[in-house]
Amino acid sequence: MDLQKYLPESIKKLPVHMDFNGQKKAEKMFQLIIITFATVGFIWGYICQQFSQTMYILIAGFVISCLLTLPPWPMFRNTPLNWQKSRVEAEEIGSTSAQQSSQKSKKKK
């Protein structure tokens, strides 16, 4: 079942990729947010003497970190990779340029 054909074009055009440097940034950001909220939650829970307060703060940090790091925001797509052309495409380009050069040499004669 192909659900993609039912999606509007505006949704199909949304970027869904993240480059390797973006993944590294997202991972560091995720860890920093979780550790910060865990530390603050632990201290606040210790002061209040309620473990539930610690968990609420930690869960809030988790939700915030998910909202900031899971979607492929533009800041995570700054350094795209330049992929090599596929062999089929490269062969087509090579044969086209060979045909053009042979046609040029025929015209010169």
PDB file of N, CA and C in Angstrom:
ATOM      1  N   MET A   1       0.847  -1.174   0.000  1.00  0.00           N
ATOM      2  CA  MET A   1       0.000   0.000   0.000  1.00  0.00           C
ATOM      3  C   MET A   1       0.892   1.238   0.000  1.00  0.00           C
ATOM      4  N   ASP A   2       0.750   2.066  -1.015  1.00  0.00           N
ATOM      5  CA  ASP A   2       1.582   3.244  -1.162  1.00  0.00           C
ATOM      6  C   ASP A   2       0.805   4.479  -0.723  1.00  0.00           C
ATOM      7  N   LEU A   3       1.122   4.972   0.459  1.00  0.00           N
ATOM      8  CA  LEU A   3       0.422   6.131   1.000  1.00  0.00           C
ATOM      9  C   LEU A   3       0.954   7.432   0.427  1.00  0.00           C
ATOM     10  N   GLN A   4       2.131   7.392  -0.183  1.00  0.00           N
ATOM     11  CA  GLN A   4       2.737   8.608  -0.697  1.00  0.00           C
ATOM     12  C   GLN A   4       1.917   9.265  -1.793  1.00  0.00           C
ATOM     13  N   LYS A   5       1.209   8.489  -2.560  1.00  0.00           N
ATOM     14  CA  LYS A   5       0.433   9.069  -3.649  1.00  0.00           C
ATOM     15  C   LYS A   5      -0.757   9.882  -3.138  1.00  0.00           C
ATOM     16  N   TYR A   6      -1.151   9.693  -1.893  1.00  0.00           N
ATOM     17  CA  TYR A   6      -2.267  10.431  -1.313  1.00  0.00           C
ATOM     18  C   TYR A   6      -1.819  11.723  -0.617  1.00  0.00           C
ATOM     19  N   LEU A   7      -0.527  11.902  -0.445  1.00  0.00           N
ATOM     20  CA  LEU A   7      -0.023  13.095   0.226  1.00  0.00           C
ATOM     21  C   LEU A   7      -0.016  14.284  -0.724  1.00  0.00           C
ATOM     22  N   PRO A   8      -0.295  15.486  -0.220  1.00  0.00           N
ATOM     23  CA  PRO A   8      -0.212  16.668  -1.083  1.00  0.00           C
ATOM     24  C   PRO A   8       1.248  16.966  -1.455  1.00  0.00           C
ATOM     25  N   GLU A   9       1.432  17.666  -2.567  1.00  0.00           N
ATOM     26  CA  GLU A   9       2.779  17.966  -3.069  1.00  0.00           C
ATOM     27  C   GLU A   9       3.589  18.776  -2.063  1.00  0.00           C
ATOM     28  N   SER A  10       2.935  19.659  -1.310  1.00  0.00           N
ATOM     29  CA  SER A  10       3.664  20.489  -0.347  1.00  0.00           C
ATOM     30  C   SER A  10       4.325  19.638   0.732  1.00  0.00           C
ATOM     31  N   ILE A  11       3.698  18.550   1.115  1.00  0.00           N
ATOM     32  CA  ILE A  11       4.278  17.659   2.125  1.00  0.00           C
ATOM     33  C   ILE A  11       5.365  16.789   1.506  1.00  0.00           C
ATOM     34  N   LYS A  12       5.194  16.379   0.255  1.00  0.00           N
ATOM     35  CA  LYS A  12       6.205  15.558  -0.411  1.00  0.00           C
ATOM     36  C   LYS A  12       7.514  16.309  -0.594  1.00  0.00           C
ATOM     37  N   LYS A  13       7.440  17.640  -0.693  1.00  0.00           N
ATOM     38  CA  LYS A  13       8.630  18.451  -0.932  1.00  0.00           C
ATOM     39  C   LYS A  13       9.409  18.768   0.346  1.00  0.00           C
ATOM     40  N   LEU A  14       8.876  18.422   1.504  1.00  0.00           N
ATOM     41  CA  LEU A  14       9.579  18.697   2.756  1.00  0.00           C
ATOM     42  C   LEU A  14      10.858  17.862   2.835  1.00  0.00           C
ATOM     43  N   PRO A  15      11.975  18.467   3.239  1.00  0.00           N
ATOM     44  CA  PRO A  15      13.212  17.692   3.344  1.00  0.00           C
ATOM     45  C   PRO A  15      13.157  16.734   4.527  1.00  0.00           C
ATOM     46  N   VAL A  16      13.658  15.533   4.318  1.00  0.00           N
ATOM     47  CA  VAL A  16      13.615  14.520   5.368  1.00  0.00           C
ATOM     48  C   VAL A  16      15.005  13.963   5.666  1.00  0.00           C
ATOM     49  N   HIS A  17      16.042  14.678   5.249  1.00  0.00           N
ATOM     50  CA  HIS A  17      17.396  14.175   5.451  1.00  0.00           C
ATOM     51  C   HIS A  17      18.182  15.118   6.363  1.00  0.00           C
ATOM     52  N   MET A  18      19.253  14.595   6.898  1.00  0.00           N
ATOM     53  CA  MET A  18      20.158  15.353   7.757  1.00  0.00           C
ATOM     54  C   MET A  18      21.564  14.875   7.411  1.00  0.00           C
ATOM     55  N   ASP A  19      22.497  15.811   7.216  1.00  0.00           N
ATOM     56  CA  ASP A  19      23.849  15.381   6.853  1.00  0.00           C
ATOM     57  C   ASP A  19      24.603  14.879   8.087  1.00  0.00           C
ATOM     58  N   PHE A  20      25.805  14.339   7.849  1.00  0.00           N
ATOM     59  CA  PHE A  20      26.560  13.720   8.947  1.00  0.00           C
ATOM     60  C   PHE A  20      26.950  14.735  10.014  1.00  0.00           C
ATOM     61  N   ASN A  21      27.353  15.928   9.616  1.00  0.00           N
ATOM     62  CA  ASN A  21      27.684  16.956  10.608  1.00  0.00           C
ATOM     63  C   ASN A  21      26.446  17.375  11.389  1.00  0.00           C
ATOM     64  N   GLY A  22      25.313  17.423  10.720  1.00  0.00           N
ATOM     65  CA  GLY A  22      24.059  17.736  11.397  1.00  0.00           C
ATOM     66  C   GLY A  22      23.679  16.677  12.408  1.00  0.00           C
ATOM     67  N   GLN A  23      23.923  15.407  12.060  1.00  0.00           N
ATOM     68  CA  GLN A  23      23.652  14.325  13.009  1.00  0.00           C
ATOM     69  C   GLN A  23      24.538  14.457  14.241  1.00  0.00           C
ATOM     70  N   LYS A  24      25.779  14.845  14.023  1.00  0.00           N
ATOM     71  CA  LYS A  24      26.713  15.018  15.143  1.00  0.00           C
ATOM     72  C   LYS A  24      26.252  16.172  16.041  1.00  0.00           C
ATOM     73  N   LYS A  25      25.839  17.285  15.426  1.00  0.00           N
ATOM     74  CA  LYS A  25      25.337  18.426  16.193  1.00  0.00           C
ATOM     75  C   LYS A  25      24.080  18.051  16.974  1.00  0.00           C
ATOM     76  N   ALA A  26      23.171  17.336  16.319  1.00  0.00           N
ATOM     77  CA  ALA A  26      21.919  16.942  16.970  1.00  0.00           C
ATOM     78  C   ALA A  26      22.194  16.030  18.163  1.00  0.00           C
ATOM     79  N   GLU A  27      23.128  15.090  18.000  1.00  0.00           N
ATOM     80  CA  GLU A  27      23.459  14.171  19.096  1.00  0.00           C
ATOM     81  C   GLU A  27      24.053  14.929  20.285  1.00  0.00           C
ATOM     82  N   LYS A  28      24.976  15.863  20.015  1.00  0.00           N
ATOM     83  CA  LYS A  28      25.566  16.652  21.106  1.00  0.00           C
ATOM     84  C   LYS A  28      24.510  17.509  21.797  1.00  0.00           C
ATOM     85  N   MET A  29      23.628  18.121  21.002  1.00  0.00           N
ATOM     86  CA  MET A  29      22.573  18.954  21.565  1.00  0.00           C
ATOM     87  C   MET A  29      21.639  18.110  22.433  1.00  0.00           C
ATOM     88  N   PHE A  30      21.270  16.934  21.944  1.00  0.00           N
ATOM     89  CA  PHE A  30      20.396  16.024  22.684  1.00  0.00           C
ATOM     90  C   PHE A  30      21.027  15.661  24.028  1.00  0.00           C
ATOM     91  N   GLN A  31      22.297  15.269  24.013  1.00  0.00           N
ATOM     92  CA  GLN A  31      22.977  14.882  25.249  1.00  0.00           C
ATOM     93  C   GLN A  31      23.085  16.045  26.218  1.00  0.00           C
ATOM     94  N   LEU A  32      23.406  17.230  25.709  1.00  0.00           N
ATOM     95  CA  LEU A  32      23.547  18.404  26.567  1.00  0.00           C
ATOM     96  C   LEU A  32      22.216  18.744  27.243  1.00  0.00           C
ATOM     97  N   ILE A  33      21.133  18.711  26.484  1.00  0.00           N
ATOM     98  CA  ILE A  33      19.821  19.040  27.052  1.00  0.00           C
ATOM     99  C   ILE A  33      19.414  18.008  28.098  1.00  0.00           C
ATOM    100  N   ILE A  34      19.586  16.731  27.788  1.00  0.00           N
ATOM    101  CA  ILE A  34      19.194  15.678  28.732  1.00  0.00           C
ATOM    102  C   ILE A  34      20.013  15.765  30.021  1.00  0.00           C
ATOM    103  N   ILE A  35      21.310  15.951  29.901  1.00  0.00           N
ATOM    104  CA  ILE A  35      22.169  16.027  31.095  1.00  0.00           C
ATOM    105  C   ILE A  35      21.824  17.255  31.924  1.00  0.00           C
ATOM    106  N   THR A  36      21.585  18.385  31.253  1.00  0.00           N
ATOM    107  CA  THR A  36      21.235  19.613  31.986  1.00  0.00           C
ATOM    108  C   THR A  36      19.915  19.440  32.736  1.00  0.00           C
ATOM    109  N   PHE A  37      18.898  18.938  32.056  1.00  0.00           N
ATOM    110  CA  PHE A  37      17.607  18.759  32.711  1.00  0.00           C
ATOM    111  C   PHE A  37      17.679  17.685  33.802  1.00  0.00           C
ATOM    112  N   ALA A  38      18.467  16.651  33.589  1.00  0.00           N
ATOM    113  CA  ALA A  38      18.609  15.617  34.614  1.00  0.00           C
ATOM    114  C   ALA A  38      19.273  16.189  35.865  1.00  0.00           C
ATOM    115  N   THR A  39      20.298  17.004  35.671  1.00  0.00           N
ATOM    116  CA  THR A  39      20.999  17.617  36.814  1.00  0.00           C
ATOM    117  C   THR A  39      20.075  18.568  37.569  1.00  0.00           C
ATOM    118  N   VAL A  40      19.405  19.441  36.820  1.00  0.00           N
ATOM    119  CA  VAL A  40      18.484  20.389  37.458  1.00  0.00           C
ATOM    120  C   VAL A  40      17.344  19.628  38.147  1.00  0.00           C
ATOM    121  N   GLY A  41      16.827  18.610  37.471  1.00  0.00           N
ATOM    122  CA  GLY A  41      15.746  17.816  38.055  1.00  0.00           C
ATOM    123  C   GLY A  41      16.170  17.107  39.318  1.00  0.00           C
ATOM    124  N   PHE A  42      17.392  16.567  39.313  1.00  0.00           N
ATOM    125  CA  PHE A  42      17.885  15.888  40.512  1.00  0.00           C
ATOM    126  C   PHE A  42      18.020  16.863  41.680  1.00  0.00           C
ATOM    127  N   ILE A  43      18.596  18.024  41.398  1.00  0.00           N
ATOM    128  CA  ILE A  43      18.776  19.025  42.468  1.00  0.00           C
ATOM    129  C   ILE A  43      17.415  19.501  42.983  1.00  0.00           C
ATOM    130  N   TRP A  44      16.490  19.817  42.081  1.00  0.00           N
ATOM    131  CA  TRP A  44      15.173  20.277  42.511  1.00  0.00           C
ATOM    132  C   TRP A  44      14.424  19.175  43.263  1.00  0.00           C
ATOM    133  N   GLY A  45      14.499  17.951  42.784  1.00  0.00           N
ATOM    134  CA  GLY A  45      13.840  16.839  43.473  1.00  0.00           C
ATOM    135  C   GLY A  45      14.431  16.606  44.852  1.00  0.00           C
ATOM    136  N   TYR A  46      15.759  16.788  44.993  1.00  0.00           N
ATOM    137  CA  TYR A  46      16.412  16.628  46.290  1.00  0.00           C
ATOM    138  C   TYR A  46      15.954  17.718  47.255  1.00  0.00           C
ATOM    139  N   ILE A  47      15.836  18.950  46.733  1.00  0.00           N
ATOM    140  CA  ILE A  47      15.387  20.057  47.584  1.00  0.00           C
ATOM    141  C   ILE A  47      13.944  19.828  48.038  1.00  0.00           C
ATOM    142  N   CYS A  48      13.088  19.406  47.109  1.00  0.00           N
ATOM    143  CA  CYS A  48      11.672  19.171  47.424  1.00  0.00           C
ATOM    144  C   CYS A  48      11.440  17.833  48.116  1.00  0.00           C
ATOM    145  N   GLN A  49      12.414  16.938  48.048  1.00  0.00           N
ATOM    146  CA  GLN A  49      12.289  15.592  48.581  1.00  0.00           C
ATOM    147  C   GLN A  49      11.166  14.820  47.886  1.00  0.00           C
ATOM    148  N   GLN A  50      11.042  15.043  46.555  1.00  0.00           N
ATOM    149  CA  GLN A  50      10.044  14.322  45.762  1.00  0.00           C
ATOM    150  C   GLN A  50      10.686  13.859  44.460  1.00  0.00           C
ATOM    151  N   PHE A  51      10.708  12.553  44.283  1.00  0.00           N
ATOM    152  CA  PHE A  51      11.291  11.984  43.076  1.00  0.00           C
ATOM    153  C   PHE A  51      10.440  12.314  41.854  1.00  0.00           C
ATOM    154  N   SER A  52       9.142  12.495  42.061  1.00  0.00           N
ATOM    155  CA  SER A  52       8.259  12.812  40.934  1.00  0.00           C
ATOM    156  C   SER A  52       8.651  14.140  40.277  1.00  0.00           C
ATOM    157  N   GLN A  53       9.105  15.102  41.051  1.00  0.00           N
ATOM    158  CA  GLN A  53       9.553  16.382  40.500  1.00  0.00           C
ATOM    159  C   GLN A  53      10.770  16.180  39.590  1.00  0.00           C
ATOM    160  N   THR A  54      11.660  15.304  40.010  1.00  0.00           N
ATOM    161  CA  THR A  54      12.829  14.980  39.189  1.00  0.00           C
ATOM    162  C   THR A  54      12.381  14.383  37.862  1.00  0.00           C
ATOM    163  N   MET A  55      11.436  13.477  37.900  1.00  0.00           N
ATOM    164  CA  MET A  55      10.965  12.817  36.684  1.00  0.00           C
ATOM    165  C   MET A  55      10.230  13.792  35.766  1.00  0.00           C
ATOM    166  N   TYR A  56       9.416  14.686  36.325  1.00  0.00           N
ATOM    167  CA  TYR A  56       8.717  15.667  35.502  1.00  0.00           C
ATOM    168  C   TYR A  56       9.711  16.556  34.749  1.00  0.00           C
ATOM    169  N   ILE A  57      10.730  16.999  35.440  1.00  0.00           N
ATOM    170  CA  ILE A  57      11.730  17.857  34.805  1.00  0.00           C
ATOM    171  C   ILE A  57      12.508  17.071  33.744  1.00  0.00           C
ATOM    172  N   LEU A  58      12.853  15.843  34.033  1.00  0.00           N
ATOM    173  CA  LEU A  58      13.573  15.018  33.064  1.00  0.00           C
ATOM    174  C   LEU A  58      12.714  14.737  31.831  1.00  0.00           C
ATOM    175  N   ILE A  59      11.446  14.473  32.026  1.00  0.00           N
ATOM    176  CA  ILE A  59      10.539  14.233  30.895  1.00  0.00           C
ATOM    177  C   ILE A  59      10.380  15.501  30.060  1.00  0.00           C
ATOM    178  N   ALA A  60      10.300  16.650  30.717  1.00  0.00           N
ATOM    179  CA  ALA A  60      10.215  17.917  29.985  1.00  0.00           C
ATOM    180  C   ALA A  60      11.482  18.120  29.145  1.00  0.00           C
ATOM    181  N   GLY A  61      12.634  17.807  29.684  1.00  0.00           N
ATOM    182  CA  GLY A  61      13.890  17.907  28.931  1.00  0.00           C
ATOM    183  C   GLY A  61      13.903  16.969  27.748  1.00  0.00           C
ATOM    184  N   PHE A  62      13.375  15.773  27.933  1.00  0.00           N
ATOM    185  CA  PHE A  62      13.314  14.805  26.842  1.00  0.00           C
ATOM    186  C   PHE A  62      12.428  15.312  25.712  1.00  0.00           C
ATOM    187  N   VAL A  63      11.271  15.861  26.055  1.00  0.00           N
ATOM    188  CA  VAL A  63      10.345  16.380  25.040  1.00  0.00           C
ATOM    189  C   VAL A  63      10.978  17.551  24.292  1.00  0.00           C
ATOM    190  N   ILE A  64      11.612  18.465  25.021  1.00  0.00           N
ATOM    191  CA  ILE A  64      12.267  19.611  24.386  1.00  0.00           C
ATOM    192  C   ILE A  64      13.387  19.152  23.467  1.00  0.00           C
ATOM    193  N   SER A  65      14.188  18.204  23.939  1.00  0.00           N
ATOM    194  CA  SER A  65      15.296  17.729  23.101  1.00  0.00           C
ATOM    195  C   SER A  65      14.788  17.014  21.850  1.00  0.00           C
ATOM    196  N   CYS A  66      13.683  16.298  21.971  1.00  0.00           N
ATOM    197  CA  CYS A  66      13.102  15.641  20.783  1.00  0.00           C
ATOM    198  C   CYS A  66      12.608  16.673  19.780  1.00  0.00           C
ATOM    199  N   LEU A  67      11.956  17.729  20.265  1.00  0.00           N
ATOM    200  CA  LEU A  67      11.466  18.768  19.360  1.00  0.00           C
ATOM    201  C   LEU A  67      12.611  19.510  18.667  1.00  0.00           C
ATOM    202  N   LEU A  68      13.742  19.633  19.335  1.00  0.00           N
ATOM    203  CA  LEU A  68      14.865  20.372  18.759  1.00  0.00           C
ATOM    204  C   LEU A  68      15.775  19.522  17.884  1.00  0.00           C
ATOM    205  N   THR A  69      15.833  18.230  18.116  1.00  0.00           N
ATOM    206  CA  THR A  69      16.828  17.425  17.404  1.00  0.00           C
ATOM    207  C   THR A  69      16.268  16.402  16.426  1.00  0.00           C
ATOM    208  N   LEU A  70      15.030  15.977  16.557  1.00  0.00           N
ATOM    209  CA  LEU A  70      14.507  14.959  15.646  1.00  0.00           C
ATOM    210  C   LEU A  70      14.127  15.483  14.267  1.00  0.00           C
ATOM    211  N   PRO A  71      13.430  16.619  14.154  1.00  0.00           N
ATOM    212  CA  PRO A  71      13.133  17.100  12.803  1.00  0.00           C
ATOM    213  C   PRO A  71      14.418  17.550  12.094  1.00  0.00           C
ATOM    214  N   PRO A  72      14.478  17.404  10.783  1.00  0.00           N
ATOM    215  CA  PRO A  72      15.679  17.834  10.056  1.00  0.00           C
ATOM    216  C   PRO A  72      15.675  19.346   9.819  1.00  0.00           C
ATOM    217  N   TRP A  73      15.907  20.121  10.874  1.00  0.00           N
ATOM    218  CA  TRP A  73      15.930  21.572  10.765  1.00  0.00           C
ATOM    219  C   TRP A  73      17.058  21.995   9.812  1.00  0.00           C
ATOM    220  N   PRO A  74      16.944  23.192   9.212  1.00  0.00           N
ATOM    221  CA  PRO A  74      17.992  23.646   8.278  1.00  0.00           C
ATOM    222  C   PRO A  74      19.387  23.727   8.897  1.00  0.00           C
ATOM    223  N   MET A  75      19.476  23.948  10.191  1.00  0.00           N
ATOM    224  CA  MET A  75      20.802  24.017  10.827  1.00  0.00           C
ATOM    225  C   MET A  75      21.502  22.658  10.815  1.00  0.00           C
ATOM    226  N   PHE A  76      20.768  21.588  10.580  1.00  0.00           N
ATOM    227  CA  PHE A  76      21.357  20.253  10.506  1.00  0.00           C
ATOM    228  C   PHE A  76      21.625  19.817   9.070  1.00  0.00           C
ATOM    229  N   ARG A  77      21.382  20.726   8.104  1.00  0.00           N
ATOM    230  CA  ARG A  77      21.580  20.391   6.688  1.00  0.00           C
ATOM    231  C   ARG A  77      22.501  21.392   6.012  1.00  0.00           C
ATOM    232  N   ASN A  78      23.505  21.889   6.720  1.00  0.00           N
ATOM    233  CA  ASN A  78      24.394  22.916   6.171  1.00  0.00           C
ATOM    234  C   ASN A  78      25.484  22.377   5.262  1.00  0.00           C
ATOM    235  N   THR A  79      25.914  21.147   5.454  1.00  0.00           N
ATOM    236  CA  THR A  79      27.030  20.599   4.671  1.00  0.00           C
ATOM    237  C   THR A  79      26.594  19.328   3.949  1.00  0.00           C
ATOM    238  N   PRO A  80      25.921  19.486   2.804  1.00  0.00           N
ATOM    239  CA  PRO A  80      25.473  18.295   2.075  1.00  0.00           C
ATOM    240  C   PRO A  80      26.658  17.566   1.445  1.00  0.00           C
ATOM    241  N   LEU A  81      26.499  16.284   1.263  1.00  0.00           N
ATOM    242  CA  LEU A  81      27.535  15.471   0.635  1.00  0.00           C
ATOM    243  C   LEU A  81      27.398  15.538  -0.880  1.00  0.00           C
ATOM    244  N   ASN A  82      28.531  15.555  -1.560  1.00  0.00           N
ATOM    245  CA  ASN A  82      28.533  15.480  -3.014  1.00  0.00           C
ATOM    246  C   ASN A  82      28.731  14.025  -3.398  1.00  0.00           C
ATOM    247  N   TRP A  83      27.650  13.369  -3.756  1.00  0.00           N
ATOM    248  CA  TRP A  83      27.697  11.955  -4.098  1.00  0.00           C
ATOM    249  C   TRP A  83      28.230  11.777  -5.505  1.00  0.00           C
ATOM    250  N   GLN A  84      28.885  10.659  -5.732  1.00  0.00           N
ATOM    251  CA  GLN A  84      29.329  10.333  -7.076  1.00  0.00           C
ATOM    252  C   GLN A  84      28.116   9.968  -7.922  1.00  0.00           C
ATOM    253  N   LYS A  85      28.250  10.181  -9.219  1.00  0.00           N
ATOM    254  CA  LYS A  85      27.171   9.806 -10.120  1.00  0.00           C
ATOM    255  C   LYS A  85      27.103   8.289 -10.206  1.00  0.00           C
ATOM    256  N   SER A  86      25.911   7.764 -10.454  1.00  0.00           N
ATOM    257  CA  SER A  86      25.759   6.321 -10.590  1.00  0.00           C
ATOM    258  C   SER A  86      26.484   5.862 -11.848  1.00  0.00           C
ATOM    259  N   ARG A  87      26.829   4.601 -11.906  1.00  0.00           N
ATOM    260  CA  ARG A  87      27.563   4.076 -13.057  1.00  0.00           C
ATOM    261  C   ARG A  87      26.764   4.215 -14.339  1.00  0.00           C
ATOM    262  N   VAL A  88      25.487   3.958 -14.260  1.00  0.00           N
ATOM    263  CA  VAL A  88      24.645   4.053 -15.450  1.00  0.00           C
ATOM    264  C   VAL A  88      24.639   5.491 -15.956  1.00  0.00           C
ATOM    265  N   GLU A  89      24.479   6.439 -15.045  1.00  0.00           N
ATOM    266  CA  GLU A  89      24.452   7.846 -15.422  1.00  0.00           C
ATOM    267  C   GLU A  89      25.803   8.289 -15.967  1.00  0.00           C
ATOM    268  N   ALA A  90      26.878   7.826 -15.347  1.00  0.00           N
ATOM    269  CA  ALA A  90      28.217   8.187 -15.807  1.00  0.00           C
ATOM    270  C   ALA A  90      28.484   7.606 -17.195  1.00  0.00           C
ATOM    271  N   GLU A  91      28.024   6.384 -17.433  1.00  0.00           N
ATOM    272  CA  GLU A  91      28.204   5.769 -18.752  1.00  0.00           C
ATOM    273  C   GLU A  91      27.416   6.526 -19.811  1.00  0.00           C
ATOM    274  N   GLU A  92      26.206   6.960 -19.470  1.00  0.00           N
ATOM    275  CA  GLU A  92      25.403   7.725 -20.418  1.00  0.00           C
ATOM    276  C   GLU A  92      26.089   9.038 -20.757  1.00  0.00           C
ATOM    277  N   ILE A  93      26.630   9.705 -19.748  1.00  0.00           N
ATOM    278  CA  ILE A  93      27.333  10.963 -19.978  1.00  0.00           C
ATOM    279  C   ILE A  93      28.570  10.709 -20.827  1.00  0.00           C
ATOM    280  N   GLY A  94      29.294   9.636 -20.522  1.00  0.00           N
ATOM    281  CA  GLY A  94      30.490   9.298 -21.295  1.00  0.00           C
ATOM    282  C   GLY A  94      30.174   8.972 -22.737  1.00  0.00           C
ATOM    283  N   SER A  95      29.114   8.208 -22.973  1.00  0.00           N
ATOM    284  CA  SER A  95      28.754   7.849 -24.348  1.00  0.00           C
ATOM    285  C   SER A  95      28.249   9.067 -25.107  1.00  0.00           C
ATOM    286  N   THR A  96      27.544   9.957 -24.437  1.00  0.00           N
ATOM    287  CA  THR A  96      27.062  11.178 -25.080  1.00  0.00           C
ATOM    288  C   THR A  96      28.227  12.059 -25.492  1.00  0.00           C
ATOM    289  N   SER A  97      29.206  12.223 -24.595  1.00  0.00           N
ATOM    290  CA  SER A  97      30.359  13.054 -24.929  1.00  0.00           C
ATOM    291  C   SER A  97      31.204  12.399 -26.016  1.00  0.00           C
ATOM    292  N   ALA A  98      31.279  11.068 -26.047  1.00  0.00           N
ATOM    293  CA  ALA A  98      32.018  10.364 -27.093  1.00  0.00           C
ATOM    294  C   ALA A  98      31.322  10.544 -28.438  1.00  0.00           C
ATOM    295  N   GLN A  99      29.996  10.496 -28.443  1.00  0.00           N
ATOM    296  CA  GLN A  99      29.250  10.698 -29.684  1.00  0.00           C
ATOM    297  C   GLN A  99      29.434  12.118 -30.198  1.00  0.00           C
ATOM    298  N   GLN A 100      29.411  13.074 -29.273  1.00  0.00           N
ATOM    299  CA  GLN A 100      29.582  14.464 -29.672  1.00  0.00           C
ATOM    300  C   GLN A 100      30.972  14.703 -30.233  1.00  0.00           C
ATOM    301  N   SER A 101      31.989  14.115 -29.624  1.00  0.00           N
ATOM    302  CA  SER A 101      33.357  14.300 -30.123  1.00  0.00           C
ATOM    303  C   SER A 101      33.542  13.620 -31.480  1.00  0.00           C
ATOM    304  N   SER A 102      32.906  12.458 -31.691  1.00  0.00           N
ATOM    305  CA  SER A 102      33.016  11.788 -32.991  1.00  0.00           C
ATOM    306  C   SER A 102      32.277  12.580 -34.062  1.00  0.00           C
ATOM    307  N   GLN A 103      31.166  13.219 -33.694  1.00  0.00           N
ATOM    308  CA  GLN A 103      30.435  14.038 -34.655  1.00  0.00           C
ATOM    309  C   GLN A 103      31.247  15.274 -35.022  1.00  0.00           C
ATOM    310  N   LYS A 104      31.955  15.842 -34.055  1.00  0.00           N
ATOM    311  CA  LYS A 104      32.782  17.028 -34.305  1.00  0.00           C
ATOM    312  C   LYS A 104      33.937  16.658 -35.248  1.00  0.00           C
ATOM    313  N   SER A 105      34.539  15.473 -35.017  1.00  0.00           N
ATOM    314  CA  SER A 105      35.657  15.059 -35.872  1.00  0.00           C
ATOM    315  C   SER A 105      35.181  14.762 -37.296  1.00  0.00           C
ATOM    316  N   LYS A 106      33.960  14.250 -37.458  1.00  0.00           N
ATOM    317  CA  LYS A 106      33.404  14.005 -38.785  1.00  0.00           C
ATOM    318  C   LYS A 106      33.152  15.312 -39.515  1.00  0.00           C
ATOM    319  N   LYS A 107      32.692  16.322 -38.773  1.00  0.00           N
ATOM    320  CA  LYS A 107      32.412  17.629 -39.383  1.00  0.00           C
ATOM    321  C   LYS A 107      33.692  18.294 -39.875  1.00  0.00           C
ATOM    322  N   LYS A 108      34.780  18.101 -39.159  1.00  0.00           N
ATOM    323  CA  LYS A 108      36.068  18.701 -39.525  1.00  0.00           C
ATOM    324  C   LYS A 108      36.597  18.091 -40.822  1.00  0.00           C
ATOM    325  N   LYS A 109      36.282  16.848 -41.092  1.00  0.00           N
ATOM    326  CA  LYS A 109      36.794  16.164 -42.295  1.00  0.00           C
ATOM    327  C   LYS A 109      36.055  16.591 -43.469  1.00  0.00           C
TER     328      LYS A 109
END
